[in-house]
């Protein structure tokens, strides 16, 4: 089972139009308020920090480049070739590697695991952008990639984010400028129930080893000038020893 062609086309269109400058994309916040915060949560839980680290759904690679400064082998993977074009242009020194990956396609996850061996994995805000039928296959792919030694750190918008996003989308003046392209390309975020992520992980044979709540910082400002921050939940998962 692979992602729908509509979904792939939507992301290609979004990233082909996305500006190059840092912070131009709604969720593309600077690493010190995103990946750096997440690394502080998951680094101590890694059984082997030397394993390859896969940034799944890496987009334009902002967080990938930060992760590549902290870990020895980092791979940014995304379904969109246009996103990876952004990532490679922003990483001329090749701090990380990048590749197209349809994480809902079992054969692609199997092939990447055969290439890398067990890996640690970082994924931020991907499930709520997936088609509902693709969410379990994506988590199954994560279980394949982490194998017996890796750990997966996932961050997803919580249910409480939906009314916040809904309020922004239905503003009398229209959605904020950085949110509007997401809706225009048909990739408006969907709701993932807070209890669903641990269930997906259990179904894939992974145990929740740690979890918590965390504000997810965006690059957009509210009318009062304050940065928009969305409630999110994080979970660290892996095989139980």
C-alpha atoms as a PDB file:
ATOM      1  CA  UNK A   1       0.000   0.000   0.000  1.00  0.00           C
ATOM      2  CA  UNK A   2       1.485   3.350  -0.983  1.00  0.00           C
ATOM      3  CA  UNK A   3       0.340   6.911  -0.587  1.00  0.00           C
ATOM      4  CA  UNK A   4      -2.233   8.214  -3.001  1.00  0.00           C
ATOM      5  CA  UNK A   5      -1.088   9.994  -6.141  1.00  0.00           C
ATOM      6  CA  UNK A   6      -3.263  12.955  -5.096  1.00  0.00           C
ATOM      7  CA  UNK A   7      -1.305  13.267  -1.873  1.00  0.00           C
ATOM      8  CA  UNK A   8       2.065  13.089  -3.627  1.00  0.00           C
ATOM      9  CA  UNK A   9       0.920  15.617  -6.236  1.00  0.00           C
ATOM     10  CA  UNK A  10      -0.290  17.994  -3.520  1.00  0.00           C
ATOM     11  CA  UNK A  11       3.089  17.996  -1.788  1.00  0.00           C
ATOM     12  CA  UNK A  12       4.993  18.404  -5.037  1.00  0.00           C
ATOM     13  CA  UNK A  13       2.866  21.427  -5.868  1.00  0.00           C
ATOM     14  CA  UNK A  14       3.313  22.899  -2.412  1.00  0.00           C
ATOM     15  CA  UNK A  15       7.103  22.579  -2.373  1.00  0.00           C
ATOM     16  CA  UNK A  16       7.531  23.770  -5.961  1.00  0.00           C
ATOM     17  CA  UNK A  17       5.820  27.016  -4.964  1.00  0.00           C
ATOM     18  CA  UNK A  18       7.385  27.337  -1.509  1.00  0.00           C
ATOM     19  CA  UNK A  19       9.853  30.227  -1.111  1.00  0.00           C
ATOM     20  CA  UNK A  20      13.487  29.447  -0.387  1.00  0.00           C
ATOM     21  CA  UNK A  21      14.013  31.874   2.476  1.00  0.00           C
ATOM     22  CA  UNK A  22      14.135  30.466   6.002  1.00  0.00           C
ATOM     23  CA  UNK A  23      10.876  30.668   7.916  1.00  0.00           C
ATOM     24  CA  UNK A  24       8.682  31.128   4.851  1.00  0.00           C
ATOM     25  CA  UNK A  25       6.826  27.855   5.464  1.00  0.00           C
ATOM     26  CA  UNK A  26       4.275  27.703   8.296  1.00  0.00           C
ATOM     27  CA  UNK A  27       5.946  24.888  10.292  1.00  0.00           C
ATOM     28  CA  UNK A  28       9.551  25.667   9.310  1.00  0.00           C
ATOM     29  CA  UNK A  29      10.558  27.186  12.638  1.00  0.00           C
ATOM     30  CA  UNK A  30      14.213  27.607  13.488  1.00  0.00           C
ATOM     31  CA  UNK A  31      15.844  24.505  15.014  1.00  0.00           C
ATOM     32  CA  UNK A  32      16.501  26.069  18.403  1.00  0.00           C
ATOM     33  CA  UNK A  33      12.743  26.012  19.097  1.00  0.00           C
ATOM     34  CA  UNK A  34      12.067  22.714  17.302  1.00  0.00           C
ATOM     35  CA  UNK A  35      14.686  20.002  16.742  1.00  0.00           C
ATOM     36  CA  UNK A  36      16.940  21.243  19.547  1.00  0.00           C
ATOM     37  CA  UNK A  37      14.060  20.974  22.008  1.00  0.00           C
ATOM     38  CA  UNK A  38      13.250  17.498  20.730  1.00  0.00           C
ATOM     39  CA  UNK A  39      16.858  16.277  20.854  1.00  0.00           C
ATOM     40  CA  UNK A  40      17.005  17.288  24.511  1.00  0.00           C
ATOM     41  CA  UNK A  41      14.038  14.979  25.113  1.00  0.00           C
ATOM     42  CA  UNK A  42      15.105  11.910  23.159  1.00  0.00           C
ATOM     43  CA  UNK A  43      18.908  11.859  23.141  1.00  0.00           C
ATOM     44  CA  UNK A  44      19.263  10.245  26.567  1.00  0.00           C
ATOM     45  CA  UNK A  45      16.845   7.464  25.567  1.00  0.00           C
ATOM     46  CA  UNK A  46      18.837   6.301  22.537  1.00  0.00           C
ATOM     47  CA  UNK A  47      20.420   2.912  23.085  1.00  0.00           C
ATOM     48  CA  UNK A  48      22.925   3.669  20.319  1.00  0.00           C
ATOM     49  CA  UNK A  49      23.365   7.323  19.249  1.00  0.00           C
ATOM     50  CA  UNK A  50      25.798   6.129  16.580  1.00  0.00           C
ATOM     51  CA  UNK A  51      23.048   4.487  14.532  1.00  0.00           C
ATOM     52  CA  UNK A  52      21.958   6.325  11.385  1.00  0.00           C
ATOM     53  CA  UNK A  53      19.263   8.904  12.095  1.00  0.00           C
ATOM     54  CA  UNK A  54      16.392   9.203   9.617  1.00  0.00           C
ATOM     55  CA  UNK A  55      14.455  12.490   9.544  1.00  0.00           C
ATOM     56  CA  UNK A  56      11.207  11.175   8.064  1.00  0.00           C
ATOM     57  CA  UNK A  57       9.171  13.845   6.296  1.00  0.00           C
ATOM     58  CA  UNK A  58      12.176  16.159   6.302  1.00  0.00           C
ATOM     59  CA  UNK A  59      10.681  18.742   3.928  1.00  0.00           C
ATOM     60  CA  UNK A  60      13.240  21.417   3.100  1.00  0.00           C
ATOM     61  CA  UNK A  61      15.718  20.003   5.593  1.00  0.00           C
ATOM     62  CA  UNK A  62      15.882  22.789   8.179  1.00  0.00           C
ATOM     63  CA  UNK A  63      15.735  20.349  11.081  1.00  0.00           C
ATOM     64  CA  UNK A  64      17.771  17.737   9.182  1.00  0.00           C
ATOM     65  CA  UNK A  65      20.756  20.048   8.974  1.00  0.00           C
ATOM     66  CA  UNK A  66      20.598  20.676  12.703  1.00  0.00           C
ATOM     67  CA  UNK A  67      20.387  16.955  13.418  1.00  0.00           C
ATOM     68  CA  UNK A  68      23.417  16.394  11.173  1.00  0.00           C
ATOM     69  CA  UNK A  69      25.434  18.601  13.511  1.00  0.00           C
ATOM     70  CA  UNK A  70      24.524  16.351  16.444  1.00  0.00           C
ATOM     71  CA  UNK A  71      24.602  12.852  14.976  1.00  0.00           C
ATOM     72  CA  UNK A  72      27.203  11.183  12.745  1.00  0.00           C
ATOM     73  CA  UNK A  73      24.960   9.876   9.927  1.00  0.00           C
ATOM     74  CA  UNK A  74      21.708  11.657   9.084  1.00  0.00           C
ATOM     75  CA  UNK A  75      19.343  10.948   6.202  1.00  0.00           C
ATOM     76  CA  UNK A  76      16.485  13.271   5.294  1.00  0.00           C
ATOM     77  CA  UNK A  77      13.627  11.372   3.642  1.00  0.00           C
ATOM     78  CA  UNK A  78      10.503  12.826   2.082  1.00  0.00           C
ATOM     79  CA  UNK A  79       7.832  11.842  -0.415  1.00  0.00           C
ATOM     80  CA  UNK A  80       8.371  15.060  -2.384  1.00  0.00           C
ATOM     81  CA  UNK A  81      11.297  15.440  -4.756  1.00  0.00           C
ATOM     82  CA  UNK A  82      10.634  19.185  -4.817  1.00  0.00           C
ATOM     83  CA  UNK A  83      11.066  19.316  -1.020  1.00  0.00           C
ATOM     84  CA  UNK A  84      14.372  17.489  -1.313  1.00  0.00           C
ATOM     85  CA  UNK A  85      15.496  19.938  -4.002  1.00  0.00           C
ATOM     86  CA  UNK A  86      15.023  22.679  -1.392  1.00  0.00           C
ATOM     87  CA  UNK A  87      16.896  20.605   1.189  1.00  0.00           C
ATOM     88  CA  UNK A  88      19.886  19.939  -1.059  1.00  0.00           C
ATOM     89  CA  UNK A  89      20.176  23.569  -2.130  1.00  0.00           C
ATOM     90  CA  UNK A  90      20.163  24.634   1.519  1.00  0.00           C
ATOM     91  CA  UNK A  91      22.845  22.063   2.350  1.00  0.00           C
ATOM     92  CA  UNK A  92      25.627  22.648  -0.200  1.00  0.00           C
ATOM     93  CA  UNK A  93      28.202  21.110   2.150  1.00  0.00           C
ATOM     94  CA  UNK A  94      26.221  17.870   2.237  1.00  0.00           C
ATOM     95  CA  UNK A  95      25.920  17.690   6.018  1.00  0.00           C
ATOM     96  CA  UNK A  96      23.114  15.158   5.515  1.00  0.00           C
ATOM     97  CA  UNK A  97      21.999  12.837   2.736  1.00  0.00           C
ATOM     98  CA  UNK A  98      18.528  13.047   1.206  1.00  0.00           C
ATOM     99  CA  UNK A  99      16.278  10.595  -0.615  1.00  0.00           C
ATOM    100  CA  UNK A 100      12.708  10.181  -1.777  1.00  0.00           C
ATOM    101  CA  UNK A 101      10.777   7.715   0.349  1.00  0.00           C
ATOM    102  CA  UNK A 102       7.146   6.664   0.275  1.00  0.00           C
ATOM    103  CA  UNK A 103       6.928   5.541   3.889  1.00  0.00           C
ATOM    104  CA  UNK A 104       3.539   3.905   3.330  1.00  0.00           C
ATOM    105  CA  UNK A 105       5.107   1.501   0.825  1.00  0.00           C
ATOM    106  CA  UNK A 106       6.455  -1.528   2.694  1.00  0.00           C
ATOM    107  CA  UNK A 107       8.997  -2.458   0.039  1.00  0.00           C
ATOM    108  CA  UNK A 108      10.618   0.981   0.257  1.00  0.00           C
ATOM    109  CA  UNK A 109      10.962   0.766   4.040  1.00  0.00           C
ATOM    110  CA  UNK A 110      12.374  -2.748   3.729  1.00  0.00           C
ATOM    111  CA  UNK A 111      14.912  -1.578   1.149  1.00  0.00           C
ATOM    112  CA  UNK A 112      16.039   1.360   3.278  1.00  0.00           C
ATOM    113  CA  UNK A 113      16.456  -0.854   6.340  1.00  0.00           C
ATOM    114  CA  UNK A 114      18.486  -3.306   4.274  1.00  0.00           C
ATOM    115  CA  UNK A 115      20.727  -0.394   3.279  1.00  0.00           C
ATOM    116  CA  UNK A 116      21.086   1.314   6.667  1.00  0.00           C
ATOM    117  CA  UNK A 117      20.501  -1.436   9.196  1.00  0.00           C
ATOM    118  CA  UNK A 118      18.680  -0.407  12.378  1.00  0.00           C
ATOM    119  CA  UNK A 119      18.240   3.357  12.634  1.00  0.00           C
ATOM    120  CA  UNK A 120      17.003   6.010  15.018  1.00  0.00           C
ATOM    121  CA  UNK A 121      14.147   8.049  13.617  1.00  0.00           C
ATOM    122  CA  UNK A 122      12.805  11.576  14.011  1.00  0.00           C
ATOM    123  CA  UNK A 123       9.376  12.531  12.654  1.00  0.00           C
ATOM    124  CA  UNK A 124       7.626  15.825  13.240  1.00  0.00           C
ATOM    125  CA  UNK A 125       4.044  16.483  12.202  1.00  0.00           C
ATOM    126  CA  UNK A 126       3.725  13.836   9.508  1.00  0.00           C
ATOM    127  CA  UNK A 127       0.848  11.614  10.637  1.00  0.00           C
ATOM    128  CA  UNK A 128      -1.700  14.413  10.795  1.00  0.00           C
ATOM    129  CA  UNK A 129      -0.821  15.298   7.202  1.00  0.00           C
ATOM    130  CA  UNK A 130      -1.226  11.687   6.010  1.00  0.00           C
ATOM    131  CA  UNK A 131      -4.346  10.201   4.536  1.00  0.00           C
ATOM    132  CA  UNK A 132      -5.998   8.262   7.400  1.00  0.00           C
ATOM    133  CA  UNK A 133      -5.536   4.912   5.637  1.00  0.00           C
ATOM    134  CA  UNK A 134      -1.789   5.566   5.319  1.00  0.00           C
ATOM    135  CA  UNK A 135      -1.123   6.259   8.999  1.00  0.00           C
ATOM    136  CA  UNK A 136      -0.721   2.671  10.174  1.00  0.00           C
ATOM    137  CA  UNK A 137       1.483   1.740   7.181  1.00  0.00           C
ATOM    138  CA  UNK A 138       3.722   4.738   7.970  1.00  0.00           C
ATOM    139  CA  UNK A 139       4.106   3.577  11.571  1.00  0.00           C
ATOM    140  CA  UNK A 140       4.740   0.031  10.325  1.00  0.00           C
ATOM    141  CA  UNK A 141       7.559   1.462   8.196  1.00  0.00           C
ATOM    142  CA  UNK A 142       8.991   3.193  11.256  1.00  0.00           C
ATOM    143  CA  UNK A 143       8.988  -0.137  13.089  1.00  0.00           C
ATOM    144  CA  UNK A 144      10.885  -1.648  10.169  1.00  0.00           C
ATOM    145  CA  UNK A 145      13.457   1.131  10.140  1.00  0.00           C
ATOM    146  CA  UNK A 146      14.193   1.131  13.871  1.00  0.00           C
ATOM    147  CA  UNK A 147      14.511  -2.652  13.971  1.00  0.00           C
ATOM    148  CA  UNK A 148      15.565  -4.050  17.329  1.00  0.00           C
ATOM    149  CA  UNK A 149      18.043  -1.345  18.383  1.00  0.00           C
ATOM    150  CA  UNK A 150      16.700   1.963  17.128  1.00  0.00           C
ATOM    151  CA  UNK A 151      14.358   4.445  18.736  1.00  0.00           C
ATOM    152  CA  UNK A 152      11.666   6.596  17.123  1.00  0.00           C
ATOM    153  CA  UNK A 153      10.780  10.097  18.310  1.00  0.00           C
ATOM    154  CA  UNK A 154       7.456  11.349  16.963  1.00  0.00           C
ATOM    155  CA  UNK A 155       5.817  14.739  17.444  1.00  0.00           C
ATOM    156  CA  UNK A 156       2.215  15.263  16.352  1.00  0.00           C
ATOM    157  CA  UNK A 157      -0.336  18.001  16.829  1.00  0.00           C
ATOM    158  CA  UNK A 158      -2.679  17.130  19.654  1.00  0.00           C
ATOM    159  CA  UNK A 159      -6.460  17.160  19.396  1.00  0.00           C
ATOM    160  CA  UNK A 160      -6.384  20.556  21.086  1.00  0.00           C
ATOM    161  CA  UNK A 161      -4.660  22.028  18.011  1.00  0.00           C
ATOM    162  CA  UNK A 162      -7.688  21.524  15.791  1.00  0.00           C
ATOM    163  CA  UNK A 163      -9.799  24.410  17.131  1.00  0.00           C
ATOM    164  CA  UNK A 164      -6.738  26.671  16.995  1.00  0.00           C
ATOM    165  CA  UNK A 165      -6.118  25.841  13.349  1.00  0.00           C
ATOM    166  CA  UNK A 166      -9.825  26.038  12.600  1.00  0.00           C
ATOM    167  CA  UNK A 167      -9.994  29.497  14.079  1.00  0.00           C
ATOM    168  CA  UNK A 168      -7.049  30.624  11.968  1.00  0.00           C
ATOM    169  CA  UNK A 169      -8.531  29.125   8.803  1.00  0.00           C
ATOM    170  CA  UNK A 170     -11.916  30.755   9.357  1.00  0.00           C
ATOM    171  CA  UNK A 171     -10.630  34.194  10.261  1.00  0.00           C
ATOM    172  CA  UNK A 172     -12.707  36.969   8.627  1.00  0.00           C
ATOM    173  CA  UNK A 173      -9.574  38.102   6.810  1.00  0.00           C
ATOM    174  CA  UNK A 174      -8.806  34.569   5.662  1.00  0.00           C
ATOM    175  CA  UNK A 175      -6.079  32.223   6.882  1.00  0.00           C
ATOM    176  CA  UNK A 176      -2.664  33.700   7.692  1.00  0.00           C
ATOM    177  CA  UNK A 177      -0.374  34.047   4.631  1.00  0.00           C
ATOM    178  CA  UNK A 178       1.815  31.068   5.524  1.00  0.00           C
ATOM    179  CA  UNK A 179      -1.137  28.815   6.279  1.00  0.00           C
ATOM    180  CA  UNK A 180      -3.100  29.653   3.136  1.00  0.00           C
ATOM    181  CA  UNK A 181      -0.865  27.675   0.695  1.00  0.00           C
ATOM    182  CA  UNK A 182      -1.325  24.517   2.760  1.00  0.00           C
ATOM    183  CA  UNK A 183      -5.095  24.708   2.370  1.00  0.00           C
ATOM    184  CA  UNK A 184      -4.828  25.769  -1.265  1.00  0.00           C
ATOM    185  CA  UNK A 185      -2.862  22.637  -2.135  1.00  0.00           C
ATOM    186  CA  UNK A 186      -5.350  20.381  -0.398  1.00  0.00           C
ATOM    187  CA  UNK A 187      -3.075  19.300   2.429  1.00  0.00           C
ATOM    188  CA  UNK A 188      -4.948  20.886   5.286  1.00  0.00           C
ATOM    189  CA  UNK A 189      -4.005  19.133   8.517  1.00  0.00           C
ATOM    190  CA  UNK A 190      -6.358  16.443   9.723  1.00  0.00           C
ATOM    191  CA  UNK A 191      -7.004  15.379  13.259  1.00  0.00           C
ATOM    192  CA  UNK A 192      -5.134  12.452  14.763  1.00  0.00           C
ATOM    193  CA  UNK A 193      -6.674  11.416  18.069  1.00  0.00           C
ATOM    194  CA  UNK A 194      -4.227  11.634  20.964  1.00  0.00           C
ATOM    195  CA  UNK A 195      -4.829   7.967  21.779  1.00  0.00           C
ATOM    196  CA  UNK A 196      -4.319   6.854  18.173  1.00  0.00           C
ATOM    197  CA  UNK A 197      -0.552   7.300  17.974  1.00  0.00           C
ATOM    198  CA  UNK A 198       0.275   4.894  20.838  1.00  0.00           C
ATOM    199  CA  UNK A 199      -2.224   2.445  19.321  1.00  0.00           C
ATOM    200  CA  UNK A 200      -0.543   2.629  15.900  1.00  0.00           C
ATOM    201  CA  UNK A 201       2.799   1.998  17.595  1.00  0.00           C
ATOM    202  CA  UNK A 202       1.500  -0.999  19.535  1.00  0.00           C
ATOM    203  CA  UNK A 203      -0.009  -2.443  16.367  1.00  0.00           C
ATOM    204  CA  UNK A 204       3.440  -2.178  14.768  1.00  0.00           C
ATOM    205  CA  UNK A 205       5.108  -4.008  17.650  1.00  0.00           C
ATOM    206  CA  UNK A 206       6.651  -0.936  19.245  1.00  0.00           C
ATOM    207  CA  UNK A 207       6.378   0.076  22.883  1.00  0.00           C
ATOM    208  CA  UNK A 208       5.917   3.639  24.105  1.00  0.00           C
ATOM    209  CA  UNK A 209       9.000   4.281  26.236  1.00  0.00           C
ATOM    210  CA  UNK A 210       8.332   7.938  27.080  1.00  0.00           C
ATOM    211  CA  UNK A 211       5.803  10.605  26.135  1.00  0.00           C
ATOM    212  CA  UNK A 212       4.688  14.099  26.973  1.00  0.00           C
ATOM    213  CA  UNK A 213       3.106  17.344  25.836  1.00  0.00           C
ATOM    214  CA  UNK A 214       4.938  20.160  24.117  1.00  0.00           C
ATOM    215  CA  UNK A 215       4.090  23.422  22.342  1.00  0.00           C
ATOM    216  CA  UNK A 216       4.909  23.259  18.623  1.00  0.00           C
ATOM    217  CA  UNK A 217       6.206  26.606  17.415  1.00  0.00           C
ATOM    218  CA  UNK A 218       5.295  27.831  13.931  1.00  0.00           C
ATOM    219  CA  UNK A 219       6.746  30.694  11.883  1.00  0.00           C
ATOM    220  CA  UNK A 220       3.456  32.568  11.635  1.00  0.00           C
ATOM    221  CA  UNK A 221       2.300  35.387  13.890  1.00  0.00           C
ATOM    222  CA  UNK A 222      -1.170  36.059  15.223  1.00  0.00           C
ATOM    223  CA  UNK A 223      -2.774  39.473  14.612  1.00  0.00           C
ATOM    224  CA  UNK A 224      -1.339  40.656  17.934  1.00  0.00           C
ATOM    225  CA  UNK A 225       2.172  39.840  16.692  1.00  0.00           C
ATOM    226  CA  UNK A 226       2.695  36.824  18.952  1.00  0.00           C
ATOM    227  CA  UNK A 227       4.146  33.689  17.369  1.00  0.00           C
ATOM    228  CA  UNK A 228       1.484  31.026  16.793  1.00  0.00           C
ATOM    229  CA  UNK A 229       2.198  27.988  18.947  1.00  0.00           C
ATOM    230  CA  UNK A 230       0.173  24.794  18.582  1.00  0.00           C
ATOM    231  CA  UNK A 231      -0.319  22.151  21.276  1.00  0.00           C
ATOM    232  CA  UNK A 232       1.386  18.889  20.426  1.00  0.00           C
ATOM    233  CA  UNK A 233       2.293  15.548  21.937  1.00  0.00           C
ATOM    234  CA  UNK A 234       5.553  13.649  21.625  1.00  0.00           C
ATOM    235  CA  UNK A 235       6.281   9.984  22.037  1.00  0.00           C
ATOM    236  CA  UNK A 236       9.474   7.953  22.108  1.00  0.00           C
ATOM    237  CA  UNK A 237       9.071   4.349  20.958  1.00  0.00           C
ATOM    238  CA  UNK A 238      11.143   1.259  20.363  1.00  0.00           C
ATOM    239  CA  UNK A 239      11.344  -2.464  20.997  1.00  0.00           C
ATOM    240  CA  UNK A 240      11.162  -3.410  24.628  1.00  0.00           C
ATOM    241  CA  UNK A 241      14.382  -5.017  25.826  1.00  0.00           C
END
